[in-house]
Amino acid sequence: MNNARSIWVTGAGNGLGLALVEELLAEGHRVAASGKDSEALDALAARYGSQLLRLPWQLHEEQQAAQASQQICHAWCSLD
């Protein structure tokens, strides 16, 4: 049985957010990550491919939040 989930992590560019993204990916989950540009996120994207969805990070701007939501819907149809 596959218990993989689709999860959106904000603040994923560094620190705890980045650590959470890395752990979730390692456990086999699909992760949508909103965070500033980061070499660490780039490395995870190269390693995990379509399992990691990079999203706009300025979610306080309505247009970017809406765009991020649309990207998730287009890629996975839903979140868990």
N, C-alpha and C. Protein backbone atom coordinates (compact mmCIF):
# COMPACT_ATOMS: atom_id res chain seq x y z
N MET A 1 0.84 -1.18 0.00
CA MET A 1 0.00 0.00 0.00
C MET A 1 0.88 1.24 0.00
N ASN A 2 0.57 2.19 -0.88
CA ASN A 2 1.33 3.42 -1.01
C ASN A 2 0.71 4.50 -0.15
N ASN A 3 1.46 5.01 0.81
CA ASN A 3 0.97 6.06 1.70
C ASN A 3 1.52 7.42 1.33
N ALA A 4 2.02 7.58 0.11
CA ALA A 4 2.58 8.85 -0.32
C ALA A 4 1.49 9.91 -0.35
N ARG A 5 1.86 11.09 0.07
CA ARG A 5 0.94 12.22 0.10
C ARG A 5 1.50 13.37 -0.71
N SER A 6 0.65 14.32 -1.05
CA SER A 6 1.05 15.54 -1.73
C SER A 6 0.96 16.68 -0.72
N ILE A 7 2.09 17.33 -0.47
CA ILE A 7 2.19 18.29 0.62
C ILE A 7 2.81 19.58 0.09
N TRP A 8 2.30 20.73 0.57
CA TRP A 8 2.84 22.04 0.20
C TRP A 8 3.57 22.61 1.41
N VAL A 9 4.86 22.90 1.23
CA VAL A 9 5.67 23.49 2.30
C VAL A 9 6.05 24.91 1.88
N THR A 10 5.72 25.87 2.72
CA THR A 10 6.13 27.25 2.47
C THR A 10 7.39 27.54 3.28
N GLY A 11 8.13 28.55 2.87
CA GLY A 11 9.39 28.85 3.56
C GLY A 11 10.41 27.75 3.36
N ALA A 12 10.41 27.16 2.17
CA ALA A 12 11.22 25.97 1.91
C ALA A 12 12.62 26.26 1.40
N GLY A 13 13.01 27.52 1.33
CA GLY A 13 14.31 27.86 0.78
C GLY A 13 15.48 27.56 1.69
N ASN A 14 15.24 27.49 3.00
CA ASN A 14 16.34 27.21 3.93
C ASN A 14 15.77 26.79 5.28
N GLY A 15 16.63 26.49 6.20
CA GLY A 15 16.24 26.18 7.57
C GLY A 15 15.31 25.00 7.72
N LEU A 16 14.35 25.15 8.62
CA LEU A 16 13.41 24.06 8.92
C LEU A 16 12.55 23.69 7.72
N GLY A 17 12.13 24.69 6.94
CA GLY A 17 11.32 24.39 5.75
C GLY A 17 12.06 23.51 4.77
N LEU A 18 13.32 23.83 4.53
CA LEU A 18 14.14 23.03 3.61
C LEU A 18 14.35 21.63 4.17
N ALA A 19 14.62 21.53 5.46
CA ALA A 19 14.81 20.21 6.08
C ALA A 19 13.55 19.37 5.98
N LEU A 20 12.39 20.00 6.16
CA LEU A 20 11.12 19.29 6.05
C LEU A 20 10.92 18.78 4.62
N VAL A 21 11.18 19.63 3.64
CA VAL A 21 11.05 19.22 2.24
C VAL A 21 11.94 18.01 1.96
N GLU A 22 13.18 18.08 2.40
CA GLU A 22 14.12 16.99 2.14
C GLU A 22 13.65 15.68 2.77
N GLU A 23 13.17 15.74 3.99
CA GLU A 23 12.70 14.53 4.69
C GLU A 23 11.45 13.96 4.01
N LEU A 24 10.51 14.82 3.65
CA LEU A 24 9.29 14.36 2.99
C LEU A 24 9.59 13.68 1.65
N LEU A 25 10.50 14.28 0.88
CA LEU A 25 10.90 13.68 -0.39
C LEU A 25 11.55 12.31 -0.17
N ALA A 26 12.43 12.24 0.82
CA ALA A 26 13.11 10.97 1.11
C ALA A 26 12.12 9.88 1.52
N GLU A 27 11.00 10.28 2.13
CA GLU A 27 9.96 9.32 2.53
C GLU A 27 9.03 8.96 1.38
N GLY A 28 9.23 9.57 0.20
CA GLY A 28 8.44 9.22 -0.97
C GLY A 28 7.24 10.10 -1.25
N HIS A 29 7.08 11.18 -0.51
CA HIS A 29 5.96 12.08 -0.72
C HIS A 29 6.24 13.03 -1.89
N ARG A 30 5.18 13.57 -2.48
CA ARG A 30 5.30 14.64 -3.46
C ARG A 30 5.23 15.95 -2.69
N VAL A 31 6.15 16.85 -3.00
CA VAL A 31 6.23 18.10 -2.24
C VAL A 31 6.19 19.29 -3.18
N ALA A 32 5.27 20.20 -2.91
CA ALA A 32 5.24 21.51 -3.54
C ALA A 32 5.98 22.44 -2.58
N ALA A 33 7.00 23.15 -3.08
CA ALA A 33 7.84 23.95 -2.21
C ALA A 33 7.83 25.41 -2.65
N SER A 34 7.41 26.28 -1.73
CA SER A 34 7.48 27.72 -1.94
C SER A 34 8.64 28.23 -1.11
N GLY A 35 9.60 28.84 -1.77
CA GLY A 35 10.75 29.37 -1.05
C GLY A 35 11.62 30.17 -1.99
N LYS A 36 12.41 31.06 -1.40
CA LYS A 36 13.34 31.85 -2.21
C LYS A 36 14.28 30.92 -2.96
N ASP A 37 14.87 31.45 -4.04
CA ASP A 37 15.83 30.66 -4.80
C ASP A 37 16.92 30.14 -3.88
N SER A 38 17.27 28.90 -4.05
CA SER A 38 18.23 28.26 -3.17
C SER A 38 18.93 27.14 -3.91
N GLU A 39 20.24 27.07 -3.76
CA GLU A 39 21.00 25.99 -4.38
C GLU A 39 20.57 24.64 -3.83
N ALA A 40 20.22 24.61 -2.55
CA ALA A 40 19.78 23.36 -1.94
C ALA A 40 18.48 22.86 -2.56
N LEU A 41 17.52 23.77 -2.82
CA LEU A 41 16.28 23.37 -3.48
C LEU A 41 16.55 22.94 -4.92
N ASP A 42 17.48 23.64 -5.58
CA ASP A 42 17.85 23.24 -6.94
C ASP A 42 18.40 21.82 -6.95
N ALA A 43 19.23 21.49 -5.96
CA ALA A 43 19.81 20.15 -5.88
C ALA A 43 18.72 19.10 -5.63
N LEU A 44 17.76 19.43 -4.76
CA LEU A 44 16.66 18.49 -4.51
C LEU A 44 15.82 18.30 -5.76
N ALA A 45 15.58 19.38 -6.51
CA ALA A 45 14.81 19.28 -7.75
C ALA A 45 15.52 18.38 -8.75
N ALA A 46 16.83 18.50 -8.84
CA ALA A 46 17.59 17.65 -9.75
C ALA A 46 17.54 16.19 -9.31
N ARG A 47 17.56 15.96 -8.01
CA ARG A 47 17.57 14.60 -7.47
C ARG A 47 16.21 13.92 -7.54
N TYR A 48 15.13 14.68 -7.26
CA TYR A 48 13.81 14.07 -7.13
C TYR A 48 12.88 14.34 -8.31
N GLY A 49 13.28 15.16 -9.25
CA GLY A 49 12.51 15.39 -10.47
C GLY A 49 11.09 15.85 -10.20
N SER A 50 10.12 15.18 -10.81
CA SER A 50 8.72 15.61 -10.74
C SER A 50 8.10 15.39 -9.36
N GLN A 51 8.81 14.75 -8.47
CA GLN A 51 8.32 14.57 -7.09
C GLN A 51 8.34 15.90 -6.33
N LEU A 52 9.16 16.85 -6.81
CA LEU A 52 9.27 18.18 -6.20
C LEU A 52 8.75 19.22 -7.17
N LEU A 53 7.77 19.99 -6.74
CA LEU A 53 7.18 21.05 -7.55
C LEU A 53 7.59 22.39 -6.94
N ARG A 54 8.36 23.17 -7.68
CA ARG A 54 8.79 24.49 -7.20
C ARG A 54 7.70 25.50 -7.50
N LEU A 55 7.39 26.32 -6.51
CA LEU A 55 6.30 27.30 -6.62
C LEU A 55 6.79 28.70 -6.29
N PRO A 56 6.03 29.75 -6.71
CA PRO A 56 6.38 31.11 -6.33
C PRO A 56 6.44 31.24 -4.81
N TRP A 57 7.30 32.12 -4.32
CA TRP A 57 7.49 32.20 -2.88
C TRP A 57 6.83 33.41 -2.23
N GLN A 58 6.45 34.41 -2.98
CA GLN A 58 5.84 35.59 -2.38
C GLN A 58 4.33 35.41 -2.29
N LEU A 59 3.92 34.54 -1.39
CA LEU A 59 2.51 34.16 -1.31
C LEU A 59 1.63 35.23 -0.69
N HIS A 60 2.23 36.27 -0.14
CA HIS A 60 1.43 37.38 0.37
C HIS A 60 0.85 38.21 -0.78
N GLU A 61 1.36 38.00 -2.00
CA GLU A 61 0.82 38.65 -3.19
C GLU A 61 -0.24 37.72 -3.78
N GLU A 62 -1.45 38.23 -3.87
CA GLU A 62 -2.59 37.40 -4.29
C GLU A 62 -2.35 36.69 -5.61
N GLN A 63 -1.76 37.37 -6.57
CA GLN A 63 -1.55 36.77 -7.88
C GLN A 63 -0.57 35.59 -7.79
N GLN A 64 0.48 35.72 -6.98
CA GLN A 64 1.43 34.61 -6.86
C GLN A 64 0.82 33.43 -6.12
N ALA A 65 0.02 33.71 -5.10
CA ALA A 65 -0.65 32.63 -4.37
C ALA A 65 -1.61 31.88 -5.30
N ALA A 66 -2.35 32.62 -6.11
CA ALA A 66 -3.28 31.99 -7.05
C ALA A 66 -2.52 31.17 -8.10
N GLN A 67 -1.39 31.71 -8.57
CA GLN A 67 -0.58 30.99 -9.55
C GLN A 67 -0.04 29.69 -8.95
N ALA A 68 0.41 29.74 -7.71
CA ALA A 68 0.93 28.55 -7.04
C ALA A 68 -0.16 27.49 -6.92
N SER A 69 -1.34 27.92 -6.53
CA SER A 69 -2.47 26.99 -6.39
C SER A 69 -2.81 26.35 -7.73
N GLN A 70 -2.79 27.13 -8.80
CA GLN A 70 -3.08 26.59 -10.13
C GLN A 70 -2.02 25.58 -10.57
N GLN A 71 -0.76 25.86 -10.23
CA GLN A 71 0.30 24.92 -10.58
C GLN A 71 0.10 23.58 -9.88
N ILE A 72 -0.29 23.62 -8.61
CA ILE A 72 -0.54 22.38 -7.88
C ILE A 72 -1.70 21.63 -8.52
N CYS A 73 -2.77 22.33 -8.81
CA CYS A 73 -3.95 21.71 -9.42
C CYS A 73 -3.59 21.07 -10.76
N HIS A 74 -2.81 21.77 -11.55
CA HIS A 74 -2.42 21.25 -12.86
C HIS A 74 -1.51 20.02 -12.72
N ALA A 75 -0.60 20.06 -11.75
CA ALA A 75 0.35 18.96 -11.59
C ALA A 75 -0.25 17.73 -10.91
N TRP A 76 -1.03 17.95 -9.84
CA TRP A 76 -1.45 16.83 -9.00
C TRP A 76 -2.96 16.78 -8.73
N CYS A 77 -3.67 17.79 -9.10
CA CYS A 77 -5.13 17.89 -8.89
C CYS A 77 -5.53 18.18 -7.45
N SER A 78 -4.71 17.87 -6.46
CA SER A 78 -5.10 18.12 -5.07
C SER A 78 -3.90 18.00 -4.15
N LEU A 79 -4.11 18.38 -2.90
CA LEU A 79 -3.15 18.20 -1.82
C LEU A 79 -3.77 17.31 -0.76
N ASP A 80 -2.93 16.69 0.05
CA ASP A 80 -3.44 15.89 1.18
C ASP A 80 -3.39 16.69 2.46
